[in-house]
Amino acid sequence: MNSNTLSTVGQPLPRGTGVATQAEQDAVAPGDIAVGVVIGRASEYFDFFVYGIASVLVFPAIFFPHLERLEGTLWSFALLALAFVVRPIGTLLGMALQRRFDRGVKLTVALFLLGISTCVIAVLPGYNAWGPAAILALALARIGQGLALGGSWDGLPSLLAINAPEGKRGWYAMLGQLGAPTGFLIAASLFAYLWGSLNAIDFLSWGWRFPFFAAFALNVVALFARLRLVMTHEYEKNLEAHELDPCDTAQLFREQGYNIFIGAFAALASYALFHLVTVFPLSWLILHSEQSVGQFLTVQIIGALLAGLAMPISGLVADRIGRRSTLGTLAIAIGIFSLFTPLLLDSGSMGQNIFILVGFVLLGLSYGQAAGAVTSNFLPHFRYTGAALTNDLAWLFGAAFAPLVALALSIQFGLWAVTAYLLSGAVVTLLALRTNRMLKMKDRD
């Protein structure tokens, strides 16, 4: 075994005579943890984007054919948000299951709930067959997905942050975030192929269902892979050594609840941008642009590739100037970018493509450092639950309602409303980072 393997407290072990100690046997390399994080996040993002893209291309016609296209899309976005609303509840229910049984039982329950919910969506009849019951069933399935994704928190991102080598925290934090562009790339490519290969009748009849079956299969494989990783002796020892187990939620909010909200708001600009370059532009295109859906999805696929290339750069930059400084700098960049939103989206295909490509680059740079930037603020025994709830609230505050709000406001007040929405996210990020810095300085005093 490499003598530089990290111990369970994140420090290099002394060089020995070649005989592995018990601590060496129980150590887990950061690269191994990163594999588990990437597997879990890529499947989660793929499922997420399959539903998001379907909310624009499919659901208005299948579940809201009795409404105008705009109204149907807004209702589809409202259902999209449901998963993020209930996700913290899923996290708390999952923590309760873990305390009562173990981590494996929790992940298994999450696996079955996610699989059932996704399969229900894949086979669900539309409004013309079931009427309002079809909308209710879709909403319940979406709630099931949100509860399952909250309950599937495995603690690997926190373990990765703890075990990352000194001076490489930004790089290892970025690895788990690579699941976002990967998931979008696969989902958008699949929908682009089906959209271009099938006529409208076949696509809306059965073609759109295939990505949901693919999401189900991918989530089954990914969750079993994660289950196999976190249930090994080495992972259990590391998770226990760092107190990465559920804590009393009431005590967490009493003693360090402010860190949950600081962490959620510190990444708000990144999470707001997340939906405003992926799902929202597609809805704007269908309603207001002459550019074809297939062509636009192709541009977004290229954007996802650029985001994936930008993320390693974010890791290198963060390790040089600090993760929080990187988030703050990119929040300013996102704020500046927001000022050009109306000009770009309202200036034809060229401007829309520039908006997408530049937006994805900024997303890759900022979102690469958005996860767990202030997780170290939590006391060790609060870190597992605190990191999970911080992640849930970041999604809820930043991304859950972004497509719905952006589309509704842009129709009512024009695209400058989107600028205001994105700019507000950048301002909140800067205020949260400033607050975090002031609290740390106060603690030192």
Protein backbone atom coordinates (compact mmCIF):
# COMPACT_ATOMS: atom_id res chain seq x y z
CA MET A 1 0.00 0.00 0.00
CA ASN A 2 1.20 3.50 -0.77
CA SER A 3 2.78 4.99 2.36
CA ASN A 4 1.10 8.30 1.61
CA THR A 5 -2.38 6.83 2.04
CA LEU A 6 -4.53 9.06 4.24
CA SER A 7 -5.45 7.94 7.70
CA THR A 8 -8.93 8.20 9.10
CA VAL A 9 -8.14 11.64 10.45
CA GLY A 10 -7.07 12.91 7.04
CA GLN A 11 -3.29 13.05 7.78
CA PRO A 12 -0.52 11.14 5.93
CA LEU A 13 0.65 8.04 7.75
CA PRO A 14 4.33 7.76 8.61
CA ARG A 15 6.48 5.64 6.38
CA GLY A 16 6.85 2.15 7.74
CA THR A 17 8.57 -1.05 6.89
CA GLY A 18 6.01 -2.18 4.33
CA VAL A 19 3.75 -3.98 6.81
CA ALA A 20 0.23 -2.52 6.69
CA THR A 21 -1.07 -1.29 10.04
CA GLN A 22 -4.72 -1.51 11.02
CA ALA A 23 -5.08 2.23 10.37
CA GLU A 24 -3.69 1.74 6.87
CA GLN A 25 -6.10 -1.09 6.23
CA ASP A 26 -9.02 1.08 7.34
CA ALA A 27 -7.96 4.10 5.30
CA VAL A 28 -9.90 5.10 2.21
CA ALA A 29 -8.21 6.88 -0.65
CA PRO A 30 -9.89 10.13 -1.75
CA GLY A 31 -9.98 8.84 -5.32
CA ASP A 32 -12.07 5.84 -4.25
CA ILE A 33 -14.51 8.10 -2.42
CA ALA A 34 -14.69 10.38 -5.47
CA VAL A 35 -15.77 7.41 -7.62
CA GLY A 36 -18.72 6.79 -5.32
CA VAL A 37 -19.68 10.47 -5.32
CA VAL A 38 -19.50 10.76 -9.13
CA ILE A 39 -21.55 7.58 -9.64
CA GLY A 40 -24.28 8.75 -7.32
CA ARG A 41 -24.42 12.33 -8.57
CA ALA A 42 -24.33 11.48 -12.30
CA SER A 43 -27.35 9.19 -11.98
CA GLU A 44 -29.18 11.77 -9.85
CA TYR A 45 -28.56 14.57 -12.35
CA PHE A 46 -29.56 12.41 -15.30
CA ASP A 47 -32.89 11.65 -13.62
CA PHE A 48 -33.25 15.32 -12.75
CA PHE A 49 -32.65 16.56 -16.30
CA VAL A 50 -34.83 13.90 -17.92
CA TYR A 51 -37.73 15.26 -15.89
CA GLY A 52 -36.70 18.88 -16.50
CA ILE A 53 -36.50 18.53 -20.29
CA ALA A 54 -39.74 16.56 -20.36
CA SER A 55 -41.39 19.41 -18.43
CA VAL A 56 -40.84 21.57 -21.51
CA LEU A 57 -41.10 19.17 -24.47
CA VAL A 58 -43.67 16.66 -23.22
CA PHE A 59 -45.76 17.42 -20.17
CA PRO A 60 -47.60 20.52 -21.47
CA ALA A 61 -48.98 18.43 -24.34
CA ILE A 62 -49.55 15.18 -22.41
CA PHE A 63 -50.81 16.36 -19.02
CA PHE A 64 -52.05 19.88 -19.76
CA PRO A 65 -53.51 19.72 -23.29
CA HIS A 66 -56.58 21.63 -22.09
CA LEU A 67 -54.43 24.70 -21.36
CA GLU A 68 -52.49 27.10 -23.54
CA ARG A 69 -48.86 26.14 -24.10
CA LEU A 70 -47.59 28.83 -21.70
CA GLU A 71 -49.96 27.83 -18.91
CA GLY A 72 -49.17 24.16 -19.40
CA THR A 73 -45.44 24.84 -19.17
CA LEU A 74 -45.87 26.89 -15.99
CA TRP A 75 -47.86 24.08 -14.38
CA SER A 76 -45.20 21.59 -15.49
CA PHE A 77 -42.54 23.74 -13.81
CA ALA A 78 -44.66 23.86 -10.65
CA LEU A 79 -44.64 20.05 -10.55
CA LEU A 80 -40.90 20.09 -11.24
CA ALA A 81 -40.42 22.12 -8.05
CA LEU A 82 -42.33 19.62 -5.90
CA ALA A 83 -39.35 17.27 -5.64
CA PHE A 84 -37.17 20.03 -4.21
CA VAL A 85 -39.85 21.11 -1.75
CA VAL A 86 -40.13 17.63 -0.20
CA ARG A 87 -36.46 16.73 -0.50
CA PRO A 88 -35.54 17.96 3.02
CA ILE A 89 -38.41 15.84 4.36
CA GLY A 90 -36.93 12.85 2.54
CA THR A 91 -33.57 13.58 4.13
CA LEU A 92 -35.05 13.65 7.63
CA LEU A 93 -37.05 10.46 7.01
CA GLY A 94 -33.90 8.80 5.69
CA MET A 95 -31.96 9.87 8.79
CA ALA A 96 -34.69 8.35 10.96
CA LEU A 97 -34.47 5.06 9.04
CA GLN A 98 -30.69 5.05 9.39
CA ARG A 99 -30.91 5.60 13.15
CA ARG A 100 -33.50 2.82 13.47
CA PHE A 101 -31.79 0.34 11.17
CA ASP A 102 -28.62 1.22 9.23
CA ARG A 103 -27.27 3.04 6.19
CA GLY A 104 -27.92 0.07 3.92
CA VAL A 105 -31.61 -0.14 4.77
CA LYS A 106 -32.00 3.58 4.16
CA LEU A 107 -30.38 3.42 0.71
CA THR A 108 -32.38 0.32 -0.22
CA VAL A 109 -35.68 2.00 0.66
CA ALA A 110 -34.61 5.08 -1.31
CA LEU A 111 -33.72 2.82 -4.26
CA PHE A 112 -37.14 1.21 -4.38
CA LEU A 113 -39.03 4.48 -3.92
CA LEU A 114 -37.04 6.21 -6.65
CA GLY A 115 -37.45 3.27 -9.01
CA ILE A 116 -41.18 2.99 -8.45
CA SER A 117 -41.71 6.75 -8.85
CA THR A 118 -39.71 6.95 -12.07
CA CYS A 119 -41.43 3.88 -13.55
CA VAL A 120 -44.84 5.34 -12.72
CA ILE A 121 -43.97 8.45 -14.74
CA ALA A 122 -42.72 6.30 -17.63
CA VAL A 123 -46.01 4.39 -17.95
CA LEU A 124 -48.46 7.09 -16.87
CA PRO A 125 -51.40 7.78 -19.22
CA GLY A 126 -52.04 11.39 -20.15
CA TYR A 127 -54.83 13.83 -19.38
CA ASN A 128 -56.92 12.66 -22.36
CA ALA A 129 -57.12 9.17 -20.83
CA TRP A 130 -57.27 9.84 -17.09
CA GLY A 131 -58.24 13.48 -16.82
CA PRO A 132 -57.13 15.33 -13.66
CA ALA A 133 -56.14 11.99 -12.08
CA ALA A 134 -53.18 11.86 -14.48
CA ILE A 135 -51.89 15.21 -13.15
CA LEU A 136 -52.36 14.03 -9.56
CA ALA A 137 -50.47 10.80 -10.30
CA LEU A 138 -47.62 12.75 -11.90
CA ALA A 139 -47.45 15.05 -8.87
CA LEU A 140 -47.36 12.08 -6.47
CA ALA A 141 -44.63 10.39 -8.51
CA ARG A 142 -42.60 13.60 -8.49
CA ILE A 143 -43.00 13.86 -4.72
CA GLY A 144 -41.80 10.25 -4.47
CA GLN A 145 -38.70 11.13 -6.47
CA GLY A 146 -37.96 14.06 -4.18
CA LEU A 147 -38.37 12.00 -1.01
CA ALA A 148 -36.15 9.26 -2.45
CA LEU A 149 -33.38 11.62 -3.51
CA GLY A 150 -33.37 13.22 -0.06
CA GLY A 151 -33.30 9.83 1.60
CA SER A 152 -30.39 8.62 -0.53
CA TRP A 153 -27.84 10.93 1.15
CA ASP A 154 -24.83 8.71 1.85
CA GLY A 155 -22.30 11.08 3.44
CA LEU A 156 -19.69 10.47 0.75
CA PRO A 157 -19.30 14.17 -0.21
CA SER A 158 -18.51 15.04 3.41
CA LEU A 159 -16.12 12.12 3.71
CA LEU A 160 -14.42 13.20 0.49
CA ALA A 161 -14.00 16.76 1.80
CA ILE A 162 -12.46 15.49 5.04
CA ASN A 163 -10.06 13.04 3.39
CA ALA A 164 -8.95 15.34 0.55
CA PRO A 165 -5.21 16.08 0.73
CA GLU A 166 -4.19 19.49 2.04
CA GLY A 167 -4.12 21.98 -0.81
CA LYS A 168 -6.41 19.81 -2.97
CA ARG A 169 -9.79 20.47 -1.35
CA GLY A 170 -11.06 22.46 -4.32
CA TRP A 171 -10.01 19.76 -6.78
CA TYR A 172 -11.73 16.93 -4.92
CA ALA A 173 -14.85 19.04 -4.25
CA MET A 174 -15.11 19.56 -8.01
CA LEU A 175 -15.07 15.84 -8.82
CA GLY A 176 -18.53 15.13 -7.43
CA GLN A 177 -19.97 18.10 -9.30
CA LEU A 178 -18.93 16.58 -12.63
CA GLY A 179 -22.14 14.57 -12.39
CA ALA A 180 -24.14 17.66 -13.38
CA PRO A 181 -22.76 18.24 -16.90
CA THR A 182 -22.51 14.47 -17.39
CA GLY A 183 -26.16 13.93 -16.49
CA PHE A 184 -27.32 16.82 -18.65
CA LEU A 185 -25.17 15.69 -21.58
CA ILE A 186 -26.72 12.21 -21.57
CA ALA A 187 -30.29 13.43 -21.01
CA ALA A 188 -30.13 16.16 -23.66
CA SER A 189 -28.47 13.83 -26.17
CA LEU A 190 -31.15 11.21 -25.64
CA PHE A 191 -33.99 13.68 -26.08
CA ALA A 192 -32.28 15.29 -29.09
CA TYR A 193 -31.99 11.87 -30.76
CA LEU A 194 -35.60 10.93 -30.06
CA TRP A 195 -36.89 14.38 -31.09
CA GLY A 196 -35.00 14.20 -34.37
CA SER A 197 -35.72 10.55 -35.15
CA LEU A 198 -39.45 10.32 -34.41
CA ASN A 199 -42.42 12.20 -35.74
CA ALA A 200 -44.43 14.29 -33.27
CA ILE A 201 -47.12 11.62 -32.79
CA ASP A 202 -44.65 8.83 -31.98
CA PHE A 203 -42.55 11.07 -29.75
CA LEU A 204 -45.53 12.17 -27.65
CA SER A 205 -47.06 8.69 -27.69
CA TRP A 206 -44.14 6.54 -26.57
CA GLY A 207 -40.77 8.10 -27.44
CA TRP A 208 -40.61 10.40 -24.41
CA ARG A 209 -41.09 7.45 -22.07
CA PHE A 210 -37.80 5.78 -23.00
CA PRO A 211 -35.56 8.29 -21.12
CA PHE A 212 -37.52 7.60 -17.92
CA PHE A 213 -36.95 3.86 -18.28
CA ALA A 214 -33.26 4.61 -18.88
CA ALA A 215 -33.23 6.81 -15.76
CA PHE A 216 -34.76 3.98 -13.75
CA ALA A 217 -32.14 1.50 -14.96
CA LEU A 218 -29.26 3.91 -14.33
CA ASN A 219 -30.48 4.74 -10.81
CA VAL A 220 -30.78 1.08 -9.92
CA VAL A 221 -27.20 0.40 -11.01
CA ALA A 222 -25.86 3.58 -9.39
CA LEU A 223 -27.59 3.12 -6.05
CA PHE A 224 -26.45 -0.51 -5.81
CA ALA A 225 -22.91 0.65 -6.60
CA ARG A 226 -23.13 3.27 -3.85
CA LEU A 227 -24.61 0.72 -1.46
CA ARG A 228 -21.73 -1.63 -2.12
CA LEU A 229 -19.23 1.17 -1.45
CA VAL A 230 -20.67 2.62 1.75
CA MET A 231 -21.33 -0.78 3.33
CA THR A 232 -17.71 -1.92 3.15
CA HIS A 233 -15.71 -2.15 6.38
CA GLU A 234 -13.32 0.64 5.37
CA TYR A 235 -16.10 3.13 4.63
CA GLU A 236 -17.99 2.27 7.79
CA LYS A 237 -14.86 2.82 9.88
CA ASN A 238 -14.18 6.17 8.22
CA LEU A 239 -17.77 7.35 8.52
CA GLU A 240 -17.86 6.39 12.20
CA ALA A 241 -14.45 7.90 12.94
CA HIS A 242 -15.59 11.28 11.60
CA GLU A 243 -19.00 11.03 13.31
CA LEU A 244 -20.74 11.07 9.90
CA ASP A 245 -23.99 9.74 11.27
CA PRO A 246 -27.42 11.32 11.80
CA CYS A 247 -27.65 13.76 14.68
CA ASP A 248 -30.56 15.24 16.59
CA THR A 249 -32.09 17.69 14.10
CA ALA A 250 -33.59 19.97 16.74
CA GLN A 251 -30.21 20.27 18.46
CA LEU A 252 -28.54 20.98 15.11
CA PHE A 253 -30.90 23.88 14.38
CA ARG A 254 -30.58 25.23 17.90
CA GLU A 255 -26.80 25.22 17.98
CA GLN A 256 -25.70 25.59 14.36
CA GLY A 257 -28.81 26.16 12.27
CA TYR A 258 -27.35 29.40 10.93
CA ASN A 259 -24.61 27.43 9.18
CA ILE A 260 -27.25 25.51 7.19
CA PHE A 261 -28.67 28.74 5.79
CA ILE A 262 -25.26 30.34 5.23
CA GLY A 263 -24.20 27.26 3.29
CA ALA A 264 -27.39 27.21 1.23
CA PHE A 265 -27.19 30.93 0.38
CA ALA A 266 -23.42 30.86 -0.27
CA ALA A 267 -24.05 28.85 -3.44
CA LEU A 268 -27.31 30.55 -4.45
CA ALA A 269 -25.92 32.22 -7.58
CA SER A 270 -24.68 28.87 -8.92
CA TYR A 271 -27.93 27.06 -8.23
CA ALA A 272 -30.02 29.87 -9.75
CA LEU A 273 -27.86 29.84 -12.89
CA PHE A 274 -28.21 26.04 -13.01
CA HIS A 275 -31.81 26.12 -14.24
CA LEU A 276 -31.54 29.37 -16.14
CA VAL A 277 -29.13 27.89 -18.71
CA THR A 278 -30.67 24.40 -18.90
CA VAL A 279 -34.46 24.22 -18.51
CA PHE A 280 -35.67 27.82 -18.75
CA PRO A 281 -34.06 28.70 -22.14
CA LEU A 282 -35.68 25.64 -23.72
CA SER A 283 -39.12 26.87 -22.66
CA TRP A 284 -38.32 30.38 -23.91
CA LEU A 285 -37.20 28.94 -27.24
CA ILE A 286 -40.44 27.00 -27.81
CA LEU A 287 -42.59 30.00 -26.93
CA HIS A 288 -40.65 32.83 -28.56
CA SER A 289 -37.85 31.66 -30.87
CA GLU A 290 -37.70 30.33 -34.40
CA GLN A 291 -34.67 28.13 -33.64
CA SER A 292 -35.46 24.41 -33.82
CA VAL A 293 -35.52 22.32 -30.68
CA GLY A 294 -32.98 19.85 -32.05
CA GLN A 295 -30.54 22.62 -32.93
CA PHE A 296 -30.95 24.26 -29.53
CA LEU A 297 -30.42 20.97 -27.67
CA THR A 298 -27.22 20.50 -29.69
CA VAL A 299 -25.97 23.89 -28.50
CA GLN A 300 -26.82 22.93 -24.92
CA ILE A 301 -24.94 19.64 -25.34
CA ILE A 302 -21.87 21.61 -26.44
CA GLY A 303 -22.44 23.88 -23.44
CA ALA A 304 -22.48 20.86 -21.11
CA LEU A 305 -19.12 19.76 -22.55
CA LEU A 306 -17.72 23.24 -21.89
CA ALA A 307 -19.07 23.13 -18.33
CA GLY A 308 -17.37 19.78 -17.81
CA LEU A 309 -14.08 21.25 -19.03
CA ALA A 310 -14.49 24.34 -16.86
CA MET A 311 -14.99 22.38 -13.64
CA PRO A 312 -11.38 21.12 -13.34
CA ILE A 313 -10.27 24.72 -13.85
CA SER A 314 -12.48 25.72 -10.92
CA GLY A 315 -10.72 23.10 -8.79
CA LEU A 316 -7.28 24.46 -9.68
CA VAL A 317 -8.35 28.05 -9.07
CA ALA A 318 -10.02 27.19 -5.75
CA ASP A 319 -6.90 25.45 -4.50
CA ARG A 320 -4.93 28.57 -5.32
CA ILE A 321 -7.17 31.35 -3.97
CA GLY A 322 -9.63 29.42 -1.77
CA ARG A 323 -13.06 27.92 -2.43
CA ARG A 324 -15.02 30.77 -0.90
CA SER A 325 -13.04 33.40 -2.76
CA THR A 326 -13.70 31.47 -5.96
CA LEU A 327 -17.45 31.40 -5.24
CA GLY A 328 -17.46 35.12 -4.51
CA THR A 329 -15.53 36.02 -7.66
CA LEU A 330 -17.83 33.91 -9.81
CA ALA A 331 -20.93 35.36 -8.15
CA ILE A 332 -19.74 38.76 -9.39
CA ALA A 333 -19.18 37.27 -12.85
CA ILE A 334 -22.68 35.77 -12.83
CA GLY A 335 -24.11 39.14 -11.80
CA ILE A 336 -22.37 40.82 -14.74
CA PHE A 337 -23.53 38.05 -17.07
CA SER A 338 -27.13 38.57 -15.93
CA LEU A 339 -27.05 42.13 -17.27
CA PHE A 340 -26.66 40.77 -20.80
CA THR A 341 -29.50 38.23 -20.52
CA PRO A 342 -32.22 40.33 -22.25
CA LEU A 343 -29.89 41.40 -25.04
CA LEU A 344 -28.73 37.85 -25.79
CA LEU A 345 -32.00 35.93 -25.46
CA ASP A 346 -33.91 38.50 -27.49
CA SER A 347 -31.44 38.79 -30.37
CA GLY A 348 -32.05 35.63 -32.38
CA SER A 349 -30.23 32.33 -32.63
CA MET A 350 -26.72 33.77 -32.36
CA GLY A 351 -27.44 35.67 -29.16
CA GLN A 352 -29.28 32.70 -27.64
CA ASN A 353 -26.38 30.39 -28.43
CA ILE A 354 -23.89 32.81 -26.85
CA PHE A 355 -26.08 33.00 -23.74
CA ILE A 356 -26.11 29.21 -23.47
CA LEU A 357 -22.39 28.66 -24.07
CA VAL A 358 -21.15 31.46 -21.81
CA GLY A 359 -23.73 30.52 -19.19
CA PHE A 360 -22.58 26.90 -19.15
CA VAL A 361 -18.94 27.94 -18.75
CA LEU A 362 -19.86 30.12 -15.76
CA LEU A 363 -21.98 27.28 -14.41
CA GLY A 364 -19.05 24.87 -14.64
CA LEU A 365 -16.69 27.28 -12.89
CA SER A 366 -19.10 28.23 -10.11
CA TYR A 367 -21.01 25.00 -9.59
CA GLY A 368 -17.72 23.12 -9.43
CA GLN A 369 -17.19 24.68 -5.99
CA ALA A 370 -20.81 25.05 -4.89
CA ALA A 371 -21.08 21.85 -2.84
CA GLY A 372 -20.09 21.95 0.81
CA ALA A 373 -18.15 25.20 0.67
CA VAL A 374 -18.90 25.84 4.35
CA THR A 375 -19.38 22.26 5.55
CA SER A 376 -16.29 22.62 7.74
CA ASN A 377 -18.24 25.15 9.84
CA PHE A 378 -20.26 22.33 11.38
CA LEU A 379 -19.09 20.56 14.50
CA PRO A 380 -18.08 16.99 13.60
CA HIS A 381 -21.21 15.30 14.99
CA PHE A 382 -23.45 17.80 13.12
CA ARG A 383 -21.63 17.54 9.79
CA TYR A 384 -23.47 14.60 8.24
CA THR A 385 -26.99 15.93 8.77
CA GLY A 386 -25.94 19.56 8.36
CA ALA A 387 -24.33 18.94 4.97
CA ALA A 388 -27.40 17.04 3.75
CA LEU A 389 -29.85 19.77 4.77
CA THR A 390 -27.58 22.50 3.40
CA ASN A 391 -27.58 20.74 0.03
CA ASP A 392 -31.38 20.33 0.12
CA LEU A 393 -32.02 23.98 0.96
CA ALA A 394 -29.56 25.19 -1.68
CA TRP A 395 -31.61 23.33 -4.29
CA LEU A 396 -34.87 24.60 -2.81
CA PHE A 397 -33.89 28.27 -2.57
CA GLY A 398 -31.75 28.46 -5.70
CA ALA A 399 -33.07 26.06 -8.32
CA ALA A 400 -36.50 24.65 -7.43
CA PHE A 401 -38.63 27.55 -8.63
CA ALA A 402 -36.11 29.18 -11.01
CA PRO A 403 -37.74 28.02 -14.30
CA LEU A 404 -41.25 28.80 -13.04
CA VAL A 405 -40.36 32.25 -11.70
CA ALA A 406 -38.11 33.18 -14.64
CA LEU A 407 -40.71 32.21 -17.26
CA ALA A 408 -43.63 33.81 -15.42
CA LEU A 409 -41.76 37.07 -14.74
CA SER A 410 -40.30 37.28 -18.25
CA ILE A 411 -43.79 36.96 -19.77
CA GLN A 412 -45.21 39.56 -17.42
CA PHE A 413 -42.35 42.07 -17.23
CA GLY A 414 -39.87 41.11 -19.95
CA LEU A 415 -36.46 39.50 -19.84
CA TRP A 416 -35.11 42.17 -17.49
CA ALA A 417 -36.99 40.29 -14.77
CA VAL A 418 -34.67 37.32 -15.40
CA THR A 419 -31.73 39.68 -14.96
CA ALA A 420 -33.14 40.81 -11.62
CA TYR A 421 -33.72 37.22 -10.51
CA LEU A 422 -30.19 36.08 -11.36
CA LEU A 423 -28.62 39.26 -10.03
CA SER A 424 -30.40 38.81 -6.71
CA GLY A 425 -28.88 35.34 -6.42
CA ALA A 426 -25.40 36.78 -6.94
CA VAL A 427 -26.00 39.45 -4.28
CA VAL A 428 -27.29 36.89 -1.76
CA THR A 429 -24.22 34.71 -2.39
CA LEU A 430 -21.88 37.62 -1.69
CA LEU A 431 -23.79 38.55 1.48
CA ALA A 432 -23.70 34.94 2.72
CA LEU A 433 -19.97 34.65 2.09
CA ARG A 434 -19.41 37.98 3.85
CA THR A 435 -21.52 36.86 6.82
CA ASN A 436 -19.59 33.61 7.00
CA ARG A 437 -16.29 35.48 7.04
CA MET A 438 -17.46 37.83 9.79
CA LEU A 439 -18.63 34.92 11.95
CA LYS A 440 -15.29 33.17 11.53
CA MET A 441 -13.41 36.32 12.51
CA LYS A 442 -15.67 36.67 15.54
CA ASP A 443 -14.96 33.06 16.56
CA ARG A 444 -11.21 33.71 16.34
CA ASP A 445 -11.56 36.71 18.64
